[in-house]
Amino acid sequence: MAKATATKDSAIDGSPFISASEALIVQLLCGCSLAFSLWVANSVYSIHLLTDPSNTLLLIWIIELPIVILLYSRYRRNRKRCTYLRAVGRGLLALPAGAAINFLGAVALGAPVTIQYLPKTVNWSLMMSVFTTVPASCVLGSSWADWRRIFAQTKPNGSIEYLICLPAHGAVIGGWFGAWPMPLDWERPWQEWPICVSYGAITGYLVAMVASLGFALAHNRSCLPKRD
């Protein structure tokens, strides 16, 4: 009965219902794929963010991308008009678009633009796109009103939108705080772009993923019918 009620509420705005267990599986798989990419970088290629940030970031977004797209495309809006393959295509198109936005934002905030740092910035931007714009594109499509509500106004509506909104904001905020040590005169190798920013973004993303599960669970409980 509770699930039927939540499903009915979701049908009003075109969002599919996602249960607490499904939300847990989605976030767990995304988190595990991120951990797996770091393991592959360290164990298979003997690299990490400190020694080879460009290739490590490359492995992160390449491994994370298909998991994110395949999972979030299941919860696309307006399923009658949007097929699963179309949602997958939207996610693939969102990758370079989101990377371009993150790239320009990073450069505007002081990221180096020399040839030496270009591959690092590009791969960092692609990773951030996987964290932010790709899930939203798979679910929301090109609905500008929904994008503005979630990202500009931070007003998610529904469990799946919490799974999109909070990790995206967590990655951006984490990257912002991770950039603070860069200009300090500590002369540490991890202060170089984009090492500490990447650590901050990944940490913020993972913390916000856990928080999003709590909000999704609370939202699902609020949809339960009141007992007499």
C-alpha atoms as a PDB file:
ATOM      1  CA  MET A   1       0.000   0.000   0.000  1.00  0.00           C
ATOM      2  CA  ALA A   2       2.813   2.367   0.933  1.00  0.00           C
ATOM      3  CA  LYS A   3       4.711   1.628  -2.242  1.00  0.00           C
ATOM      4  CA  ALA A   4       1.580   2.074  -4.318  1.00  0.00           C
ATOM      5  CA  THR A   5       0.977   5.458  -2.720  1.00  0.00           C
ATOM      6  CA  ALA A   6       4.549   6.573  -3.354  1.00  0.00           C
ATOM      7  CA  THR A   7       4.357   5.297  -6.898  1.00  0.00           C
ATOM      8  CA  LYS A   8       1.196   7.276  -7.489  1.00  0.00           C
ATOM      9  CA  ASP A   9       2.820  10.429  -6.124  1.00  0.00           C
ATOM     10  CA  SER A  10       5.823   9.867  -8.361  1.00  0.00           C
ATOM     11  CA  ALA A  11       3.652   9.429 -11.424  1.00  0.00           C
ATOM     12  CA  ILE A  12       2.293  12.923 -10.944  1.00  0.00           C
ATOM     13  CA  ASP A  13       5.636  14.569 -11.643  1.00  0.00           C
ATOM     14  CA  GLY A  14       6.883  11.822 -13.961  1.00  0.00           C
ATOM     15  CA  SER A  15       9.517  10.503 -11.535  1.00  0.00           C
ATOM     16  CA  PRO A  16       9.666   6.737 -11.017  1.00  0.00           C
ATOM     17  CA  PHE A  17       9.509   5.394  -7.478  1.00  0.00           C
ATOM     18  CA  ILE A  18      12.769   4.228  -5.908  1.00  0.00           C
ATOM     19  CA  SER A  19      12.630   2.315  -2.664  1.00  0.00           C
ATOM     20  CA  ALA A  20      15.108   2.664   0.172  1.00  0.00           C
ATOM     21  CA  SER A  21      16.717  -0.663  -0.753  1.00  0.00           C
ATOM     22  CA  GLU A  22      17.085   0.404  -4.387  1.00  0.00           C
ATOM     23  CA  ALA A  23      18.589   3.734  -3.317  1.00  0.00           C
ATOM     24  CA  LEU A  24      21.065   1.851  -1.134  1.00  0.00           C
ATOM     25  CA  ILE A  25      22.042  -0.410  -4.022  1.00  0.00           C
ATOM     26  CA  VAL A  26      22.504   2.530  -6.407  1.00  0.00           C
ATOM     27  CA  GLN A  27      24.743   4.463  -4.034  1.00  0.00           C
ATOM     28  CA  LEU A  28      26.598   1.349  -2.916  1.00  0.00           C
ATOM     29  CA  LEU A  29      27.433   0.374  -6.496  1.00  0.00           C
ATOM     30  CA  CYS A  30      28.541   3.913  -7.338  1.00  0.00           C
ATOM     31  CA  GLY A  31      30.719   4.043  -4.236  1.00  0.00           C
ATOM     32  CA  CYS A  32      32.185   0.595  -4.873  1.00  0.00           C
ATOM     33  CA  SER A  33      32.997   1.453  -8.490  1.00  0.00           C
ATOM     34  CA  LEU A  34      34.843   4.541  -7.274  1.00  0.00           C
ATOM     35  CA  ALA A  35      36.787   2.462  -4.754  1.00  0.00           C
ATOM     36  CA  PHE A  36      37.475  -0.137  -7.454  1.00  0.00           C
ATOM     37  CA  SER A  37      38.888   2.488  -9.813  1.00  0.00           C
ATOM     38  CA  LEU A  38      41.279   3.681  -7.116  1.00  0.00           C
ATOM     39  CA  TRP A  39      42.267   0.080  -6.428  1.00  0.00           C
ATOM     40  CA  VAL A  40      42.927  -0.561 -10.128  1.00  0.00           C
ATOM     41  CA  ALA A  41      45.049   2.567 -10.356  1.00  0.00           C
ATOM     42  CA  ASN A  42      47.119   1.592  -7.327  1.00  0.00           C
ATOM     43  CA  SER A  43      47.331  -2.192  -7.676  1.00  0.00           C
ATOM     44  CA  VAL A  44      47.330  -2.681 -11.444  1.00  0.00           C
ATOM     45  CA  TYR A  45      49.063   0.447 -12.717  1.00  0.00           C
ATOM     46  CA  SER A  46      50.967   1.412  -9.523  1.00  0.00           C
ATOM     47  CA  ILE A  47      49.762   5.010  -9.678  1.00  0.00           C
ATOM     48  CA  HIS A  48      47.635   7.274  -7.500  1.00  0.00           C
ATOM     49  CA  LEU A  49      46.589  10.898  -7.387  1.00  0.00           C
ATOM     50  CA  LEU A  50      49.859  12.039  -5.888  1.00  0.00           C
ATOM     51  CA  THR A  51      52.173  10.357  -8.396  1.00  0.00           C
ATOM     52  CA  ASP A  52      50.071  10.481 -11.580  1.00  0.00           C
ATOM     53  CA  PRO A  53      46.885  12.538 -11.125  1.00  0.00           C
ATOM     54  CA  SER A  54      45.973  12.682 -14.811  1.00  0.00           C
ATOM     55  CA  ASN A  55      45.875   8.927 -15.428  1.00  0.00           C
ATOM     56  CA  THR A  56      44.335   8.226 -12.025  1.00  0.00           C
ATOM     57  CA  LEU A  57      41.490  10.638 -12.750  1.00  0.00           C
ATOM     58  CA  LEU A  58      41.161   9.048 -16.195  1.00  0.00           C
ATOM     59  CA  LEU A  59      40.644   5.626 -14.618  1.00  0.00           C
ATOM     60  CA  ILE A  60      38.140   7.019 -12.119  1.00  0.00           C
ATOM     61  CA  TRP A  61      35.779   8.555 -14.647  1.00  0.00           C
ATOM     62  CA  ILE A  62      36.125   5.744 -17.195  1.00  0.00           C
ATOM     63  CA  ILE A  63      35.177   3.100 -14.611  1.00  0.00           C
ATOM     64  CA  GLU A  64      32.547   5.211 -12.841  1.00  0.00           C
ATOM     65  CA  LEU A  65      30.789   6.466 -15.997  1.00  0.00           C
ATOM     66  CA  PRO A  66      29.083   3.252 -17.223  1.00  0.00           C
ATOM     67  CA  ILE A  67      27.956   2.348 -13.701  1.00  0.00           C
ATOM     68  CA  VAL A  68      26.372   5.761 -13.142  1.00  0.00           C
ATOM     69  CA  ILE A  69      24.681   5.857 -16.545  1.00  0.00           C
ATOM     70  CA  LEU A  70      23.310   2.313 -16.416  1.00  0.00           C
ATOM     71  CA  LEU A  71      21.955   2.745 -12.892  1.00  0.00           C
ATOM     72  CA  TYR A  72      20.401   6.205 -13.149  1.00  0.00           C
ATOM     73  CA  SER A  73      18.902   5.581 -16.580  1.00  0.00           C
ATOM     74  CA  ARG A  74      16.560   3.078 -14.915  1.00  0.00           C
ATOM     75  CA  TYR A  75      14.937   5.936 -13.014  1.00  0.00           C
ATOM     76  CA  ARG A  76      14.407   8.266 -15.956  1.00  0.00           C
ATOM     77  CA  ARG A  77      11.364  10.498 -16.068  1.00  0.00           C
ATOM     78  CA  ASN A  78       8.493  10.010 -18.514  1.00  0.00           C
ATOM     79  CA  ARG A  79       9.289   6.413 -19.359  1.00  0.00           C
ATOM     80  CA  LYS A  80       6.557   6.285 -21.981  1.00  0.00           C
ATOM     81  CA  ARG A  81       8.344   8.935 -24.044  1.00  0.00           C
ATOM     82  CA  CYS A  82      11.923   8.210 -23.037  1.00  0.00           C
ATOM     83  CA  THR A  83      13.368   4.748 -23.586  1.00  0.00           C
ATOM     84  CA  TYR A  84      16.219   3.316 -21.569  1.00  0.00           C
ATOM     85  CA  LEU A  85      18.619   3.678 -24.497  1.00  0.00           C
ATOM     86  CA  ARG A  86      17.643   7.309 -24.920  1.00  0.00           C
ATOM     87  CA  ALA A  87      18.400   7.957 -21.255  1.00  0.00           C
ATOM     88  CA  VAL A  88      21.786   6.280 -21.713  1.00  0.00           C
ATOM     89  CA  GLY A  89      22.435   8.504 -24.715  1.00  0.00           C
ATOM     90  CA  ARG A  90      21.546  11.588 -22.680  1.00  0.00           C
ATOM     91  CA  GLY A  91      24.065  10.552 -20.058  1.00  0.00           C
ATOM     92  CA  LEU A  92      26.799  10.130 -22.655  1.00  0.00           C
ATOM     93  CA  LEU A  93      26.051  13.541 -24.155  1.00  0.00           C
ATOM     94  CA  ALA A  94      26.064  15.125 -20.698  1.00  0.00           C
ATOM     95  CA  LEU A  95      29.616  13.932 -20.052  1.00  0.00           C
ATOM     96  CA  PRO A  96      31.436  16.390 -22.382  1.00  0.00           C
ATOM     97  CA  ALA A  97      28.894  19.143 -21.735  1.00  0.00           C
ATOM     98  CA  GLY A  98      29.336  18.912 -17.989  1.00  0.00           C
ATOM     99  CA  ALA A  99      33.105  18.605 -18.367  1.00  0.00           C
ATOM    100  CA  ALA A 100      33.178  21.840 -20.379  1.00  0.00           C
ATOM    101  CA  ILE A 101      31.285  23.667 -17.628  1.00  0.00           C
ATOM    102  CA  ASN A 102      33.574  22.298 -14.915  1.00  0.00           C
ATOM    103  CA  PHE A 103      36.649  23.080 -17.012  1.00  0.00           C
ATOM    104  CA  LEU A 104      35.637  26.706 -17.538  1.00  0.00           C
ATOM    105  CA  GLY A 105      34.702  27.041 -13.875  1.00  0.00           C
ATOM    106  CA  ALA A 106      38.054  25.675 -12.746  1.00  0.00           C
ATOM    107  CA  VAL A 107      39.971  27.985 -15.087  1.00  0.00           C
ATOM    108  CA  ALA A 108      37.896  30.969 -13.954  1.00  0.00           C
ATOM    109  CA  LEU A 109      38.788  30.165 -10.345  1.00  0.00           C
ATOM    110  CA  GLY A 110      42.502  29.973 -11.065  1.00  0.00           C
ATOM    111  CA  ALA A 111      43.296  26.509 -12.440  1.00  0.00           C
ATOM    112  CA  PRO A 112      46.477  26.554 -14.570  1.00  0.00           C
ATOM    113  CA  VAL A 113      45.925  26.443 -18.329  1.00  0.00           C
ATOM    114  CA  THR A 114      49.406  25.469 -19.522  1.00  0.00           C
ATOM    115  CA  ILE A 115      49.981  22.394 -21.673  1.00  0.00           C
ATOM    116  CA  GLN A 116      51.524  20.623 -18.689  1.00  0.00           C
ATOM    117  CA  TYR A 117      48.309  20.862 -16.685  1.00  0.00           C
ATOM    118  CA  LEU A 118      45.792  20.529 -19.523  1.00  0.00           C
ATOM    119  CA  PRO A 119      45.363  16.696 -19.328  1.00  0.00           C
ATOM    120  CA  LYS A 120      44.954  16.936 -15.552  1.00  0.00           C
ATOM    121  CA  THR A 121      42.293  19.622 -15.827  1.00  0.00           C
ATOM    122  CA  VAL A 122      40.448  17.781 -18.593  1.00  0.00           C
ATOM    123  CA  ASN A 123      40.328  14.489 -16.681  1.00  0.00           C
ATOM    124  CA  TRP A 124      39.350  16.282 -13.468  1.00  0.00           C
ATOM    125  CA  SER A 125      36.519  18.007 -15.337  1.00  0.00           C
ATOM    126  CA  LEU A 126      35.315  14.698 -16.776  1.00  0.00           C
ATOM    127  CA  MET A 127      35.314  13.117 -13.308  1.00  0.00           C
ATOM    128  CA  MET A 128      33.315  16.050 -11.925  1.00  0.00           C
ATOM    129  CA  SER A 129      30.869  15.709 -14.801  1.00  0.00           C
ATOM    130  CA  VAL A 130      30.258  12.067 -13.854  1.00  0.00           C
ATOM    131  CA  PHE A 131      29.596  13.188 -10.274  1.00  0.00           C
ATOM    132  CA  THR A 132      27.273  16.063 -11.173  1.00  0.00           C
ATOM    133  CA  THR A 133      25.677  16.391 -14.609  1.00  0.00           C
ATOM    134  CA  VAL A 134      25.563  12.799 -15.889  1.00  0.00           C
ATOM    135  CA  PRO A 135      23.110  11.390 -13.293  1.00  0.00           C
ATOM    136  CA  ALA A 136      20.849  14.431 -13.641  1.00  0.00           C
ATOM    137  CA  SER A 137      20.814  14.148 -17.418  1.00  0.00           C
ATOM    138  CA  CYS A 138      19.896  10.452 -17.324  1.00  0.00           C
ATOM    139  CA  VAL A 139      16.941  11.126 -15.024  1.00  0.00           C
ATOM    140  CA  LEU A 140      15.767  14.648 -15.868  1.00  0.00           C
ATOM    141  CA  GLY A 141      16.734  15.048 -19.500  1.00  0.00           C
ATOM    142  CA  SER A 142      16.709  18.628 -20.734  1.00  0.00           C
ATOM    143  CA  SER A 143      14.108  20.009 -18.317  1.00  0.00           C
ATOM    144  CA  TRP A 144      15.655  23.399 -17.497  1.00  0.00           C
ATOM    145  CA  ALA A 145      13.129  24.041 -14.706  1.00  0.00           C
ATOM    146  CA  ASP A 146      14.132  20.826 -12.927  1.00  0.00           C
ATOM    147  CA  TRP A 147      17.854  21.484 -13.370  1.00  0.00           C
ATOM    148  CA  ARG A 148      17.460  24.981 -11.940  1.00  0.00           C
ATOM    149  CA  ARG A 149      15.357  23.716  -9.034  1.00  0.00           C
ATOM    150  CA  ILE A 150      17.839  20.996  -8.098  1.00  0.00           C
ATOM    151  CA  PHE A 151      21.166  22.706  -8.695  1.00  0.00           C
ATOM    152  CA  ALA A 152      20.470  26.435  -8.298  1.00  0.00           C
ATOM    153  CA  GLN A 153      17.705  26.341  -5.700  1.00  0.00           C
ATOM    154  CA  THR A 154      18.698  23.015  -4.055  1.00  0.00           C
ATOM    155  CA  LYS A 155      15.093  21.848  -3.811  1.00  0.00           C
ATOM    156  CA  PRO A 156      14.967  18.163  -4.720  1.00  0.00           C
ATOM    157  CA  ASN A 157      11.523  16.615  -4.979  1.00  0.00           C
ATOM    158  CA  GLY A 158      11.529  12.854  -4.565  1.00  0.00           C
ATOM    159  CA  SER A 159      14.010  10.226  -3.469  1.00  0.00           C
ATOM    160  CA  ILE A 160      15.818   9.917  -6.799  1.00  0.00           C
ATOM    161  CA  GLU A 161      16.374  13.681  -6.889  1.00  0.00           C
ATOM    162  CA  TYR A 162      18.031  13.526  -3.464  1.00  0.00           C
ATOM    163  CA  LEU A 163      20.434  10.931  -4.892  1.00  0.00           C
ATOM    164  CA  ILE A 164      21.257  13.382  -7.690  1.00  0.00           C
ATOM    165  CA  CYS A 165      21.310  16.679  -5.805  1.00  0.00           C
ATOM    166  CA  LEU A 166      23.284  15.930  -2.638  1.00  0.00           C
ATOM    167  CA  PRO A 167      26.261  14.014  -4.153  1.00  0.00           C
ATOM    168  CA  ALA A 168      26.612  16.668  -6.877  1.00  0.00           C
ATOM    169  CA  HIS A 169      26.688  19.479  -4.329  1.00  0.00           C
ATOM    170  CA  GLY A 170      28.969  17.410  -2.106  1.00  0.00           C
ATOM    171  CA  ALA A 171      31.505  16.964  -4.906  1.00  0.00           C
ATOM    172  CA  VAL A 172      31.520  20.687  -5.727  1.00  0.00           C
ATOM    173  CA  ILE A 173      31.722  21.812  -2.094  1.00  0.00           C
ATOM    174  CA  GLY A 174      34.379  19.200  -1.339  1.00  0.00           C
ATOM    175  CA  GLY A 175      36.431  20.361  -4.311  1.00  0.00           C
ATOM    176  CA  TRP A 176      36.050  23.961  -3.153  1.00  0.00           C
ATOM    177  CA  PHE A 177      37.343  23.177   0.348  1.00  0.00           C
ATOM    178  CA  GLY A 178      40.039  20.954  -1.127  1.00  0.00           C
ATOM    179  CA  ALA A 179      41.393  23.937  -3.057  1.00  0.00           C
ATOM    180  CA  TRP A 180      42.004  26.009   0.072  1.00  0.00           C
ATOM    181  CA  PRO A 181      45.487  24.577   0.881  1.00  0.00           C
ATOM    182  CA  MET A 182      46.772  25.154  -2.672  1.00  0.00           C
ATOM    183  CA  PRO A 183      47.964  28.776  -2.270  1.00  0.00           C
ATOM    184  CA  LEU A 184      49.480  28.184   1.183  1.00  0.00           C
ATOM    185  CA  ASP A 185      53.256  28.168   1.403  1.00  0.00           C
ATOM    186  CA  TRP A 186      53.600  24.641   2.757  1.00  0.00           C
ATOM    187  CA  GLU A 187      55.583  23.265  -0.202  1.00  0.00           C
ATOM    188  CA  ARG A 188      53.829  19.905  -0.106  1.00  0.00           C
ATOM    189  CA  PRO A 189      53.509  17.830  -3.301  1.00  0.00           C
ATOM    190  CA  TRP A 190      49.785  17.229  -2.743  1.00  0.00           C
ATOM    191  CA  GLN A 191      49.114  20.987  -2.971  1.00  0.00           C
ATOM    192  CA  GLU A 192      49.682  20.885  -6.734  1.00  0.00           C
ATOM    193  CA  TRP A 193      46.651  21.140  -9.000  1.00  0.00           C
ATOM    194  CA  PRO A 194      44.414  19.121  -9.060  1.00  0.00           C
ATOM    195  CA  ILE A 195      45.485  16.687  -6.333  1.00  0.00           C
ATOM    196  CA  CYS A 196      43.966  18.221  -3.205  1.00  0.00           C
ATOM    197  CA  VAL A 197      40.941  19.421  -5.176  1.00  0.00           C
ATOM    198  CA  SER A 198      40.333  15.861  -6.390  1.00  0.00           C
ATOM    199  CA  TYR A 199      40.661  14.421  -2.891  1.00  0.00           C
ATOM    200  CA  GLY A 200      38.217  17.030  -1.639  1.00  0.00           C
ATOM    201  CA  ALA A 201      35.717  16.361  -4.429  1.00  0.00           C
ATOM    202  CA  ILE A 202      35.838  12.592  -3.927  1.00  0.00           C
ATOM    203  CA  THR A 203      35.468  12.927  -0.161  1.00  0.00           C
ATOM    204  CA  GLY A 204      32.561  15.354  -0.490  1.00  0.00           C
ATOM    205  CA  TYR A 205      30.914  13.098  -3.052  1.00  0.00           C
ATOM    206  CA  LEU A 206      31.126  10.016  -0.821  1.00  0.00           C
ATOM    207  CA  VAL A 207      29.930  11.834   2.304  1.00  0.00           C
ATOM    208  CA  ALA A 208      26.992  13.341   0.416  1.00  0.00           C
ATOM    209  CA  MET A 209      26.103   9.918  -0.997  1.00  0.00           C
ATOM    210  CA  VAL A 210      25.623   8.633   2.545  1.00  0.00           C
ATOM    211  CA  ALA A 211      23.606  11.713   3.478  1.00  0.00           C
ATOM    212  CA  SER A 212      21.418  11.334   0.392  1.00  0.00           C
ATOM    213  CA  LEU A 213      20.397   7.860   1.539  1.00  0.00           C
ATOM    214  CA  GLY A 214      19.119   9.329   4.793  1.00  0.00           C
ATOM    215  CA  PHE A 215      17.121  11.995   2.975  1.00  0.00           C
ATOM    216  CA  ALA A 216      15.739   9.438   0.516  1.00  0.00           C
ATOM    217  CA  LEU A 217      14.671   7.184   3.391  1.00  0.00           C
ATOM    218  CA  ALA A 218      13.036  10.106   5.206  1.00  0.00           C
ATOM    219  CA  HIS A 219      11.181  11.110   2.038  1.00  0.00           C
ATOM    220  CA  ASN A 220       9.903   7.579   1.494  1.00  0.00           C
ATOM    221  CA  ARG A 221       8.638   7.441   5.075  1.00  0.00           C
ATOM    222  CA  SER A 222       6.854  10.756   4.621  1.00  0.00           C
ATOM    223  CA  CYS A 223       4.947   9.202   1.724  1.00  0.00           C
ATOM    224  CA  LEU A 224       3.543   6.438   3.919  1.00  0.00           C
ATOM    225  CA  PRO A 225      -0.240   6.705   4.400  1.00  0.00           C
ATOM    226  CA  LYS A 226      -1.334   7.856   7.832  1.00  0.00           C
ATOM    227  CA  ARG A 227      -2.870   5.164   9.972  1.00  0.00           C
ATOM    228  CA  ASP A 228      -6.195   5.679  11.669  1.00  0.00           C
END
